[in-house]
Structures are given as C-alpha cells and as structure tokens.
Amino acid sequence: MWQRRAANVAFVNLAKQGEANFEGFTTLMLDTCAVTIRSEERFAQTGVGWLLRELAAADRARVLAFTEEHLGEMSREAVRYVVERMPKSEQARVVSGHKRASAR
C-alpha cells in the first residue's frame, strides 16, 4: 500500500505543470491513479486525491472525467481533496455524484 501511495504522492509537486513536465505525463499519472484507487486504504486514497487536486490545475477536464469514472471506488476524503480548489458548483456536482455512486 505504501508503494502505491508513493507512486502518486511523489508527483504531487510536479502535477501542476501537467504535460509541461513531459509528453504523456498526465496520462501516466491518471493510469497510476487508476491502479491505486482500487485500494480502499485511507492513505492510498488520499494520495490519489492529492495528486488529482494538483493535476486539475493543468487539466481539469481530464481530472473531472477520471474522477467521475471512478467515483464508486473513491473515498469521500479523496473526492474532497480532488475538488478542493475547484469552483463551488463543480464541487457540489462531483460530491453529489459520489453520494449517488456510494449508495449503490
């Protein structure tokens, strides 16, 4: 679990620049998040949330699409981190979607 978390957290400071880091960076980060988000452990989930929050600064549309696709796998805390710096309307929409996905 700690290695999966580290695979996300190690890139938090770089994520704001997205593709400016190197071509394919965003895709690589989303692929890593897709694997890690399957883990229910709190610290794996928060690592994904932190990375997606920062990556949203570079590519909010892709982060939102990823988040909406994986809402059923994400903890409430992870979702809260992802939307933390987004407009209130987007926060409400994503959190509402998470509640619906969690109820299934």
PDB file of N, CA and C in Angstrom:
ATOM      1  N   MET A   1       0.821  -1.185   0.000  1.00  0.00           N
ATOM      2  CA  MET A   1       0.000   0.000   0.000  1.00  0.00           C
ATOM      3  C   MET A   1       0.870   1.256   0.000  1.00  0.00           C
ATOM      4  N   TRP A   2       1.938   1.242   0.765  1.00  0.00           N
ATOM      5  CA  TRP A   2       2.793   2.431   0.837  1.00  0.00           C
ATOM      6  C   TRP A   2       3.492   2.704  -0.492  1.00  0.00           C
ATOM      7  N   GLN A   3       3.827   1.653  -1.219  1.00  0.00           N
ATOM      8  CA  GLN A   3       4.448   1.853  -2.531  1.00  0.00           C
ATOM      9  C   GLN A   3       3.444   2.428  -3.525  1.00  0.00           C
ATOM     10  N   ARG A   4       2.203   1.947  -3.485  1.00  0.00           N
ATOM     11  CA  ARG A   4       1.173   2.513  -4.367  1.00  0.00           C
ATOM     12  C   ARG A   4       0.962   3.985  -4.035  1.00  0.00           C
ATOM     13  N   ARG A   5       0.890   4.294  -2.749  1.00  0.00           N
ATOM     14  CA  ARG A   5       0.711   5.686  -2.333  1.00  0.00           C
ATOM     15  C   ARG A   5       1.876   6.544  -2.823  1.00  0.00           C
ATOM     16  N   ALA A   6       3.087   6.032  -2.636  1.00  0.00           N
ATOM     17  CA  ALA A   6       4.282   6.777  -3.045  1.00  0.00           C
ATOM     18  C   ALA A   6       4.301   7.037  -4.548  1.00  0.00           C
ATOM     19  N   ALA A   7       3.743   6.114  -5.331  1.00  0.00           N
ATOM     20  CA  ALA A   7       3.699   6.292  -6.784  1.00  0.00           C
ATOM     21  C   ALA A   7       2.870   7.507  -7.168  1.00  0.00           C
ATOM     22  N   ASN A   8       1.975   7.931  -6.297  1.00  0.00           N
ATOM     23  CA  ASN A   8       1.163   9.128  -6.534  1.00  0.00           C
ATOM     24  C   ASN A   8       1.752  10.347  -5.843  1.00  0.00           C
ATOM     25  N   VAL A   9       2.038  10.214  -4.580  1.00  0.00           N
ATOM     26  CA  VAL A   9       2.490  11.352  -3.783  1.00  0.00           C
ATOM     27  C   VAL A   9       3.814  11.924  -4.303  1.00  0.00           C
ATOM     28  N   ALA A  10       4.659  11.077  -4.855  1.00  0.00           N
ATOM     29  CA  ALA A  10       5.960  11.540  -5.358  1.00  0.00           C
ATOM     30  C   ALA A  10       5.821  12.578  -6.469  1.00  0.00           C
ATOM     31  N   PHE A  11       4.664  12.613  -7.120  1.00  0.00           N
ATOM     32  CA  PHE A  11       4.482  13.511  -8.257  1.00  0.00           C
ATOM     33  C   PHE A  11       3.578  14.702  -7.958  1.00  0.00           C
ATOM     34  N   VAL A  12       3.158  14.850  -6.717  1.00  0.00           N
ATOM     35  CA  VAL A  12       2.230  15.936  -6.365  1.00  0.00           C
ATOM     36  C   VAL A  12       2.806  17.295  -6.742  1.00  0.00           C
ATOM     37  N   ASN A  13       4.060  17.541  -6.445  1.00  0.00           N
ATOM     38  CA  ASN A  13       4.646  18.862  -6.731  1.00  0.00           C
ATOM     39  C   ASN A  13       4.839  19.128  -8.218  1.00  0.00           C
ATOM     40  N   LEU A  14       4.936  18.081  -9.014  1.00  0.00           N
ATOM     41  CA  LEU A  14       5.103  18.246 -10.461  1.00  0.00           C
ATOM     42  C   LEU A  14       3.772  18.339 -11.198  1.00  0.00           C
ATOM     43  N   ALA A  15       2.725  17.846 -10.587  1.00  0.00           N
ATOM     44  CA  ALA A  15       1.446  17.681 -11.276  1.00  0.00           C
ATOM     45  C   ALA A  15       0.857  18.988 -11.793  1.00  0.00           C
ATOM     46  N   LYS A  16       1.091  20.093 -11.108  1.00  0.00           N
ATOM     47  CA  LYS A  16       0.528  21.387 -11.537  1.00  0.00           C
ATOM     48  C   LYS A  16       0.948  21.759 -12.957  1.00  0.00           C
ATOM     49  N   GLN A  17       2.111  21.294 -13.385  1.00  0.00           N
ATOM     50  CA  GLN A  17       2.605  21.622 -14.724  1.00  0.00           C
ATOM     51  C   GLN A  17       2.106  20.651 -15.785  1.00  0.00           C
ATOM     52  N   GLY A  18       1.511  19.549 -15.395  1.00  0.00           N
ATOM     53  CA  GLY A  18       0.944  18.596 -16.345  1.00  0.00           C
ATOM     54  C   GLY A  18       1.901  18.220 -17.453  1.00  0.00           C
ATOM     55  N   GLU A  19       1.446  18.383 -18.680  1.00  0.00           N
ATOM     56  CA  GLU A  19       2.224  17.976 -19.855  1.00  0.00           C
ATOM     57  C   GLU A  19       3.517  18.776 -20.029  1.00  0.00           C
ATOM     58  N   ALA A  20       3.654  19.897 -19.350  1.00  0.00           N
ATOM     59  CA  ALA A  20       4.915  20.657 -19.435  1.00  0.00           C
ATOM     60  C   ALA A  20       6.069  19.858 -18.850  1.00  0.00           C
ATOM     61  N   ASN A  21       5.782  18.895 -17.988  1.00  0.00           N
ATOM     62  CA  ASN A  21       6.838  18.026 -17.445  1.00  0.00           C
ATOM     63  C   ASN A  21       7.436  17.168 -18.552  1.00  0.00           C
ATOM     64  N   PHE A  22       6.601  16.447 -19.257  1.00  0.00           N
ATOM     65  CA  PHE A  22       6.967  15.678 -20.440  1.00  0.00           C
ATOM     66  C   PHE A  22       5.682  15.184 -21.097  1.00  0.00           C
ATOM     67  N   GLU A  23       5.770  14.925 -22.383  1.00  0.00           N
ATOM     68  CA  GLU A  23       4.591  14.454 -23.117  1.00  0.00           C
ATOM     69  C   GLU A  23       4.138  13.116 -22.541  1.00  0.00           C
ATOM     70  N   GLY A  24       2.873  13.033 -22.224  1.00  0.00           N
ATOM     71  CA  GLY A  24       2.321  11.808 -21.661  1.00  0.00           C
ATOM     72  C   GLY A  24       2.252  11.798 -20.142  1.00  0.00           C
ATOM     73  N   PHE A  25       2.723  12.874 -19.512  1.00  0.00           N
ATOM     74  CA  PHE A  25       2.727  12.935 -18.043  1.00  0.00           C
ATOM     75  C   PHE A  25       1.327  12.758 -17.461  1.00  0.00           C
ATOM     76  N   THR A  26       0.362  13.485 -17.986  1.00  0.00           N
ATOM     77  CA  THR A  26      -0.994  13.419 -17.443  1.00  0.00           C
ATOM     78  C   THR A  26      -1.560  12.015 -17.581  1.00  0.00           C
ATOM     79  N   THR A  27      -1.381  11.408 -18.726  1.00  0.00           N
ATOM     80  CA  THR A  27      -1.866  10.041 -18.934  1.00  0.00           C
ATOM     81  C   THR A  27      -1.202   9.079 -17.965  1.00  0.00           C
ATOM     82  N   LEU A  28       0.082   9.217 -17.774  1.00  0.00           N
ATOM     83  CA  LEU A  28       0.805   8.351 -16.837  1.00  0.00           C
ATOM     84  C   LEU A  28       0.279   8.519 -15.414  1.00  0.00           C
ATOM     85  N   MET A  29       0.036   9.754 -15.005  1.00  0.00           N
ATOM     86  CA  MET A  29      -0.471   9.996 -13.657  1.00  0.00           C
ATOM     87  C   MET A  29      -1.880   9.422 -13.485  1.00  0.00           C
ATOM     88  N   LEU A  30      -2.724   9.595 -14.491  1.00  0.00           N
ATOM     89  CA  LEU A  30      -4.080   9.052 -14.409  1.00  0.00           C
ATOM     90  C   LEU A  30      -4.064   7.525 -14.398  1.00  0.00           C
ATOM     91  N   ASP A  31      -3.156   6.928 -15.158  1.00  0.00           N
ATOM     92  CA  ASP A  31      -3.022   5.466 -15.140  1.00  0.00           C
ATOM     93  C   ASP A  31      -2.585   4.974 -13.765  1.00  0.00           C
ATOM     94  N   THR A  32      -1.664   5.689 -13.153  1.00  0.00           N
ATOM     95  CA  THR A  32      -1.200   5.326 -11.813  1.00  0.00           C
ATOM     96  C   THR A  32      -2.335   5.471 -10.804  1.00  0.00           C
ATOM     97  N   CYS A  33      -3.084   6.541 -10.923  1.00  0.00           N
ATOM     98  CA  CYS A  33      -4.234   6.744 -10.029  1.00  0.00           C
ATOM     99  C   CYS A  33      -5.275   5.643 -10.215  1.00  0.00           C
ATOM    100  N   ALA A  34      -5.489   5.201 -11.442  1.00  0.00           N
ATOM    101  CA  ALA A  34      -6.484   4.169 -11.713  1.00  0.00           C
ATOM    102  C   ALA A  34      -6.137   2.860 -11.007  1.00  0.00           C
ATOM    103  N   VAL A  35      -4.869   2.569 -10.875  1.00  0.00           N
ATOM    104  CA  VAL A  35      -4.450   1.359 -10.161  1.00  0.00           C
ATOM    105  C   VAL A  35      -4.574   1.569  -8.652  1.00  0.00           C
ATOM    106  N   THR A  36      -4.088   2.690  -8.178  1.00  0.00           N
ATOM    107  CA  THR A  36      -4.073   2.951  -6.741  1.00  0.00           C
ATOM    108  C   THR A  36      -5.466   3.105  -6.158  1.00  0.00           C
ATOM    109  N   ILE A  37      -6.383   3.683  -6.916  1.00  0.00           N
ATOM    110  CA  ILE A  37      -7.723   3.968  -6.387  1.00  0.00           C
ATOM    111  C   ILE A  37      -8.489   2.693  -6.057  1.00  0.00           C
ATOM    112  N   ARG A  38      -8.059   1.570  -6.587  1.00  0.00           N
ATOM    113  CA  ARG A  38      -8.698   0.284  -6.268  1.00  0.00           C
ATOM    114  C   ARG A  38      -8.459  -0.126  -4.822  1.00  0.00           C
ATOM    115  N   SER A  39      -7.443   0.447  -4.195  1.00  0.00           N
ATOM    116  CA  SER A  39      -7.127   0.141  -2.795  1.00  0.00           C
ATOM    117  C   SER A  39      -8.013   0.969  -1.882  1.00  0.00           C
ATOM    118  N   GLU A  40      -8.657   0.330  -0.951  1.00  0.00           N
ATOM    119  CA  GLU A  40      -9.559   1.031  -0.051  1.00  0.00           C
ATOM    120  C   GLU A  40      -8.842   1.713   1.120  1.00  0.00           C
ATOM    121  N   GLU A  41      -7.564   1.423   1.306  1.00  0.00           N
ATOM    122  CA  GLU A  41      -6.832   2.003   2.433  1.00  0.00           C
ATOM    123  C   GLU A  41      -6.844   3.527   2.356  1.00  0.00           C
ATOM    124  N   ARG A  42      -7.031   4.151   3.494  1.00  0.00           N
ATOM    125  CA  ARG A  42      -7.159   5.604   3.566  1.00  0.00           C
ATOM    126  C   ARG A  42      -5.975   6.311   2.922  1.00  0.00           C
ATOM    127  N   PHE A  43      -4.763   5.885   3.226  1.00  0.00           N
ATOM    128  CA  PHE A  43      -3.599   6.620   2.742  1.00  0.00           C
ATOM    129  C   PHE A  43      -3.366   6.422   1.244  1.00  0.00           C
ATOM    130  N   ALA A  44      -3.792   5.315   0.691  1.00  0.00           N
ATOM    131  CA  ALA A  44      -3.739   5.149  -0.766  1.00  0.00           C
ATOM    132  C   ALA A  44      -4.735   6.110  -1.417  1.00  0.00           C
ATOM    133  N   GLN A  45      -5.925   6.187  -0.848  1.00  0.00           N
ATOM    134  CA  GLN A  45      -6.966   7.065  -1.375  1.00  0.00           C
ATOM    135  C   GLN A  45      -6.557   8.542  -1.298  1.00  0.00           C
ATOM    136  N   THR A  46      -6.009   8.948  -0.165  1.00  0.00           N
ATOM    137  CA  THR A  46      -5.630  10.360  -0.038  1.00  0.00           C
ATOM    138  C   THR A  46      -4.491  10.725  -0.980  1.00  0.00           C
ATOM    139  N   GLY A  47      -3.587   9.799  -1.225  1.00  0.00           N
ATOM    140  CA  GLY A  47      -2.517  10.059  -2.180  1.00  0.00           C
ATOM    141  C   GLY A  47      -3.061  10.346  -3.566  1.00  0.00           C
ATOM    142  N   VAL A  48      -4.070   9.586  -3.978  1.00  0.00           N
ATOM    143  CA  VAL A  48      -4.729   9.818  -5.265  1.00  0.00           C
ATOM    144  C   VAL A  48      -5.413  11.186  -5.251  1.00  0.00           C
ATOM    145  N   GLY A  49      -6.116  11.484  -4.171  1.00  0.00           N
ATOM    146  CA  GLY A  49      -6.805  12.777  -4.067  1.00  0.00           C
ATOM    147  C   GLY A  49      -5.851  13.952  -4.191  1.00  0.00           C
ATOM    148  N   TRP A  50      -4.719  13.862  -3.513  1.00  0.00           N
ATOM    149  CA  TRP A  50      -3.736  14.949  -3.583  1.00  0.00           C
ATOM    150  C   TRP A  50      -3.208  15.126  -4.997  1.00  0.00           C
ATOM    151  N   LEU A  51      -2.847  14.013  -5.644  1.00  0.00           N
ATOM    152  CA  LEU A  51      -2.294  14.098  -6.997  1.00  0.00           C
ATOM    153  C   LEU A  51      -3.318  14.664  -7.978  1.00  0.00           C
ATOM    154  N   LEU A  52      -4.551  14.184  -7.898  1.00  0.00           N
ATOM    155  CA  LEU A  52      -5.579  14.683  -8.807  1.00  0.00           C
ATOM    156  C   LEU A  52      -5.884  16.158  -8.556  1.00  0.00           C
ATOM    157  N   ARG A  53      -5.868  16.584  -7.301  1.00  0.00           N
ATOM    158  CA  ARG A  53      -6.107  18.002  -6.983  1.00  0.00           C
ATOM    159  C   ARG A  53      -5.087  18.882  -7.704  1.00  0.00           C
ATOM    160  N   GLU A  54      -3.828  18.490  -7.647  1.00  0.00           N
ATOM    161  CA  GLU A  54      -2.780  19.294  -8.283  1.00  0.00           C
ATOM    162  C   GLU A  54      -2.818  19.164  -9.804  1.00  0.00           C
ATOM    163  N   LEU A  55      -3.101  17.978 -10.299  1.00  0.00           N
ATOM    164  CA  LEU A  55      -3.165  17.753 -11.735  1.00  0.00           C
ATOM    165  C   LEU A  55      -4.316  18.542 -12.368  1.00  0.00           C
ATOM    166  N   ALA A  56      -5.360  18.788 -11.593  1.00  0.00           N
ATOM    167  CA  ALA A  56      -6.500  19.563 -12.088  1.00  0.00           C
ATOM    168  C   ALA A  56      -6.095  20.984 -12.462  1.00  0.00           C
ATOM    169  N   ALA A  57      -5.043  21.505 -11.869  1.00  0.00           N
ATOM    170  CA  ALA A  57      -4.565  22.845 -12.228  1.00  0.00           C
ATOM    171  C   ALA A  57      -4.084  22.881 -13.676  1.00  0.00           C
ATOM    172  N   ALA A  58      -3.596  21.750 -14.166  1.00  0.00           N
ATOM    173  CA  ALA A  58      -3.092  21.671 -15.536  1.00  0.00           C
ATOM    174  C   ALA A  58      -4.151  21.175 -16.515  1.00  0.00           C
ATOM    175  N   ASP A  59      -5.027  20.281 -16.051  1.00  0.00           N
ATOM    176  CA  ASP A  59      -6.004  19.675 -16.965  1.00  0.00           C
ATOM    177  C   ASP A  59      -7.249  19.254 -16.186  1.00  0.00           C
ATOM    178  N   ARG A  60      -8.055  20.238 -15.818  1.00  0.00           N
ATOM    179  CA  ARG A  60      -9.234  19.975 -15.000  1.00  0.00           C
ATOM    180  C   ARG A  60     -10.224  19.047 -15.696  1.00  0.00           C
ATOM    181  N   ALA A  61     -10.384  19.202 -16.997  1.00  0.00           N
ATOM    182  CA  ALA A  61     -11.363  18.379 -17.726  1.00  0.00           C
ATOM    183  C   ALA A  61     -11.019  16.890 -17.618  1.00  0.00           C
ATOM    184  N   ARG A  62      -9.765  16.550 -17.796  1.00  0.00           N
ATOM    185  CA  ARG A  62      -9.376  15.132 -17.705  1.00  0.00           C
ATOM    186  C   ARG A  62      -9.480  14.618 -16.277  1.00  0.00           C
ATOM    187  N   VAL A  63      -9.149  15.453 -15.313  1.00  0.00           N
ATOM    188  CA  VAL A  63      -9.258  15.043 -13.910  1.00  0.00           C
ATOM    189  C   VAL A  63     -10.717  14.820 -13.543  1.00  0.00           C
ATOM    190  N   LEU A  64     -11.592  15.708 -13.981  1.00  0.00           N
ATOM    191  CA  LEU A  64     -13.024  15.531 -13.704  1.00  0.00           C
ATOM    192  C   LEU A  64     -13.565  14.272 -14.369  1.00  0.00           C
ATOM    193  N   ALA A  65     -13.167  14.024 -15.599  1.00  0.00           N
ATOM    194  CA  ALA A  65     -13.619  12.818 -16.295  1.00  0.00           C
ATOM    195  C   ALA A  65     -13.143  11.567 -15.561  1.00  0.00           C
ATOM    196  N   PHE A  66     -11.886  11.566 -15.138  1.00  0.00           N
ATOM    197  CA  PHE A  66     -11.345  10.436 -14.385  1.00  0.00           C
ATOM    198  C   PHE A  66     -12.108  10.250 -13.078  1.00  0.00           C
ATOM    199  N   THR A  67     -12.311  11.342 -12.365  1.00  0.00           N
ATOM    200  CA  THR A  67     -12.988  11.282 -11.068  1.00  0.00           C
ATOM    201  C   THR A  67     -14.402  10.747 -11.225  1.00  0.00           C
ATOM    202  N   GLU A  68     -15.119  11.252 -12.197  1.00  0.00           N
ATOM    203  CA  GLU A  68     -16.494  10.798 -12.409  1.00  0.00           C
ATOM    204  C   GLU A  68     -16.536   9.320 -12.793  1.00  0.00           C
ATOM    205  N   GLU A  69     -15.554   8.871 -13.543  1.00  0.00           N
ATOM    206  CA  GLU A  69     -15.486   7.460 -13.934  1.00  0.00           C
ATOM    207  C   GLU A  69     -15.211   6.549 -12.726  1.00  0.00           C
ATOM    208  N   HIS A  70     -14.475   7.060 -11.753  1.00  0.00           N
ATOM    209  CA  HIS A  70     -14.034   6.242 -10.620  1.00  0.00           C
ATOM    210  C   HIS A  70     -14.722   6.605  -9.302  1.00  0.00           C
ATOM    211  N   LEU A  71     -15.801   7.350  -9.349  1.00  0.00           N
ATOM    212  CA  LEU A  71     -16.468   7.781  -8.115  1.00  0.00           C
ATOM    213  C   LEU A  71     -16.829   6.623  -7.194  1.00  0.00           C
ATOM    214  N   GLY A  72     -17.233   5.520  -7.761  1.00  0.00           N
ATOM    215  CA  GLY A  72     -17.620   4.370  -6.943  1.00  0.00           C
ATOM    216  C   GLY A  72     -16.474   3.736  -6.189  1.00  0.00           C
ATOM    217  N   GLU A  73     -15.245   4.013  -6.609  1.00  0.00           N
ATOM    218  CA  GLU A  73     -14.060   3.454  -5.958  1.00  0.00           C
ATOM    219  C   GLU A  73     -13.405   4.436  -4.980  1.00  0.00           C
ATOM    220  N   MET A  74     -13.791   5.692  -5.058  1.00  0.00           N
ATOM    221  CA  MET A  74     -13.108   6.728  -4.286  1.00  0.00           C
ATOM    222  C   MET A  74     -13.772   6.946  -2.937  1.00  0.00           C
ATOM    223  N   SER A  75     -12.933   7.202  -1.946  1.00  0.00           N
ATOM    224  CA  SER A  75     -13.449   7.558  -0.628  1.00  0.00           C
ATOM    225  C   SER A  75     -13.943   9.002  -0.664  1.00  0.00           C
ATOM    226  N   ARG A  76     -14.782   9.336   0.292  1.00  0.00           N
ATOM    227  CA  ARG A  76     -15.285  10.709   0.379  1.00  0.00           C
ATOM    228  C   ARG A  76     -14.125  11.681   0.581  1.00  0.00           C
ATOM    229  N   GLU A  77     -13.146  11.273   1.375  1.00  0.00           N
ATOM    230  CA  GLU A  77     -11.985  12.125   1.636  1.00  0.00           C
ATOM    231  C   GLU A  77     -11.187  12.371   0.351  1.00  0.00           C
ATOM    232  N   ALA A  78     -10.992  11.343  -0.455  1.00  0.00           N
ATOM    233  CA  ALA A  78     -10.261  11.506  -1.715  1.00  0.00           C
ATOM    234  C   ALA A  78     -10.994  12.470  -2.640  1.00  0.00           C
ATOM    235  N   VAL A  79     -12.304  12.311  -2.737  1.00  0.00           N
ATOM    236  CA  VAL A  79     -13.105  13.207  -3.582  1.00  0.00           C
ATOM    237  C   VAL A  79     -12.993  14.642  -3.078  1.00  0.00           C
ATOM    238  N   ARG A  80     -13.039  14.805  -1.769  1.00  0.00           N
ATOM    239  CA  ARG A  80     -12.931  16.150  -1.184  1.00  0.00           C
ATOM    240  C   ARG A  80     -11.605  16.797  -1.570  1.00  0.00           C
ATOM    241  N   TYR A  81     -10.516  16.023  -1.553  1.00  0.00           N
ATOM    242  CA  TYR A  81      -9.222  16.581  -1.956  1.00  0.00           C
ATOM    243  C   TYR A  81      -9.213  16.946  -3.436  1.00  0.00           C
ATOM    244  N   VAL A  82      -9.787  16.105  -4.282  1.00  0.00           N
ATOM    245  CA  VAL A  82      -9.784  16.368  -5.720  1.00  0.00           C
ATOM    246  C   VAL A  82     -10.456  17.696  -6.033  1.00  0.00           C
ATOM    247  N   VAL A  83     -11.601  17.947  -5.429  1.00  0.00           N
ATOM    248  CA  VAL A  83     -12.395  19.141  -5.788  1.00  0.00           C
ATOM    249  C   VAL A  83     -12.086  20.366  -4.936  1.00  0.00           C
ATOM    250  N   GLU A  84     -11.178  20.244  -4.015  1.00  0.00           N
ATOM    251  CA  GLU A  84     -10.878  21.287  -3.030  1.00  0.00           C
ATOM    252  C   GLU A  84     -10.672  22.676  -3.631  1.00  0.00           C
ATOM    253  N   ARG A  85     -10.028  22.767  -4.769  1.00  0.00           N
ATOM    254  CA  ARG A  85      -9.700  24.073  -5.367  1.00  0.00           C
ATOM    255  C   ARG A  85     -10.544  24.391  -6.597  1.00  0.00           C
ATOM    256  N   MET A  86     -11.590  23.634  -6.796  1.00  0.00           N
ATOM    257  CA  MET A  86     -12.476  23.849  -7.940  1.00  0.00           C
ATOM    258  C   MET A  86     -13.604  24.789  -7.534  1.00  0.00           C
ATOM    259  N   PRO A  87     -14.269  25.366  -8.527  1.00  0.00           N
ATOM    260  CA  PRO A  87     -15.421  26.223  -8.217  1.00  0.00           C
ATOM    261  C   PRO A  87     -16.481  25.440  -7.431  1.00  0.00           C
ATOM    262  N   LYS A  88     -17.205  26.157  -6.589  1.00  0.00           N
ATOM    263  CA  LYS A  88     -18.213  25.536  -5.715  1.00  0.00           C
ATOM    264  C   LYS A  88     -19.235  24.719  -6.500  1.00  0.00           C
ATOM    265  N   SER A  89     -19.615  25.191  -7.668  1.00  0.00           N
ATOM    266  CA  SER A  89     -20.613  24.463  -8.460  1.00  0.00           C
ATOM    267  C   SER A  89     -20.085  23.086  -8.878  1.00  0.00           C
ATOM    268  N   GLU A  90     -18.816  23.029  -9.280  1.00  0.00           N
ATOM    269  CA  GLU A  90     -18.219  21.738  -9.642  1.00  0.00           C
ATOM    270  C   GLU A  90     -18.044  20.853  -8.421  1.00  0.00           C
ATOM    271  N   GLN A  91     -17.647  21.462  -7.305  1.00  0.00           N
ATOM    272  CA  GLN A  91     -17.521  20.688  -6.070  1.00  0.00           C
ATOM    273  C   GLN A  91     -18.835  20.008  -5.737  1.00  0.00           C
ATOM    274  N   ALA A  92     -19.918  20.772  -5.768  1.00  0.00           N
ATOM    275  CA  ALA A  92     -21.228  20.236  -5.411  1.00  0.00           C
ATOM    276  C   ALA A  92     -21.647  19.124  -6.365  1.00  0.00           C
ATOM    277  N   ARG A  93     -21.400  19.302  -7.648  1.00  0.00           N
ATOM    278  CA  ARG A  93     -21.786  18.293  -8.639  1.00  0.00           C
ATOM    279  C   ARG A  93     -21.031  16.982  -8.429  1.00  0.00           C
ATOM    280  N   VAL A  94     -19.720  17.075  -8.198  1.00  0.00           N
ATOM    281  CA  VAL A  94     -18.905  15.870  -8.019  1.00  0.00           C
ATOM    282  C   VAL A  94     -19.250  15.180  -6.704  1.00  0.00           C
ATOM    283  N   VAL A  95     -19.396  15.940  -5.635  1.00  0.00           N
ATOM    284  CA  VAL A  95     -19.735  15.353  -4.335  1.00  0.00           C
ATOM    285  C   VAL A  95     -21.104  14.680  -4.407  1.00  0.00           C
ATOM    286  N   SER A  96     -22.044  15.302  -5.074  1.00  0.00           N
ATOM    287  CA  SER A  96     -23.365  14.715  -5.252  1.00  0.00           C
ATOM    288  C   SER A  96     -23.273  13.405  -6.041  1.00  0.00           C
ATOM    289  N   GLY A  97     -22.474  13.399  -7.075  1.00  0.00           N
ATOM    290  CA  GLY A  97     -22.260  12.179  -7.854  1.00  0.00           C
ATOM    291  C   GLY A  97     -21.627  11.084  -7.024  1.00  0.00           C
ATOM    292  N   HIS A  98     -20.718  11.467  -6.145  1.00  0.00           N
ATOM    293  CA  HIS A  98     -20.081  10.486  -5.267  1.00  0.00           C
ATOM    294  C   HIS A  98     -21.090   9.877  -4.310  1.00  0.00           C
ATOM    295  N   LYS A  99     -21.969  10.702  -3.774  1.00  0.00           N
ATOM    296  CA  LYS A  99     -23.014  10.189  -2.865  1.00  0.00           C
ATOM    297  C   LYS A  99     -23.886   9.181  -3.584  1.00  0.00           C
ATOM    298  N   ARG A 100     -24.271   9.483  -4.822  1.00  0.00           N
ATOM    299  CA  ARG A 100     -25.090   8.545  -5.602  1.00  0.00           C
ATOM    300  C   ARG A 100     -24.329   7.252  -5.881  1.00  0.00           C
ATOM    301  N   ALA A 101     -23.044   7.383  -6.243  1.00  0.00           N
ATOM    302  CA  ALA A 101     -22.232   6.206  -6.557  1.00  0.00           C
ATOM    303  C   ALA A 101     -21.997   5.343  -5.319  1.00  0.00           C
ATOM    304  N   SER A 102     -21.861   5.983  -4.177  1.00  0.00           N
ATOM    305  CA  SER A 102     -21.620   5.258  -2.912  1.00  0.00           C
ATOM    306  C   SER A 102     -22.860   4.544  -2.429  1.00  0.00           C
ATOM    307  N   ALA A 103     -24.021   5.034  -2.819  1.00  0.00           N
ATOM    308  CA  ALA A 103     -25.274   4.446  -2.370  1.00  0.00           C
ATOM    309  C   ALA A 103     -25.585   3.136  -3.081  1.00  0.00           C
ATOM    310  N   ARG A 104     -24.932   2.879  -4.184  1.00  0.00           N
ATOM    311  CA  ARG A 104     -25.190   1.648  -4.963  1.00  0.00           C
ATOM    312  C   ARG A 104     -24.689   0.427  -4.272  1.00  0.00           C
TER     313      ARG A 104
END
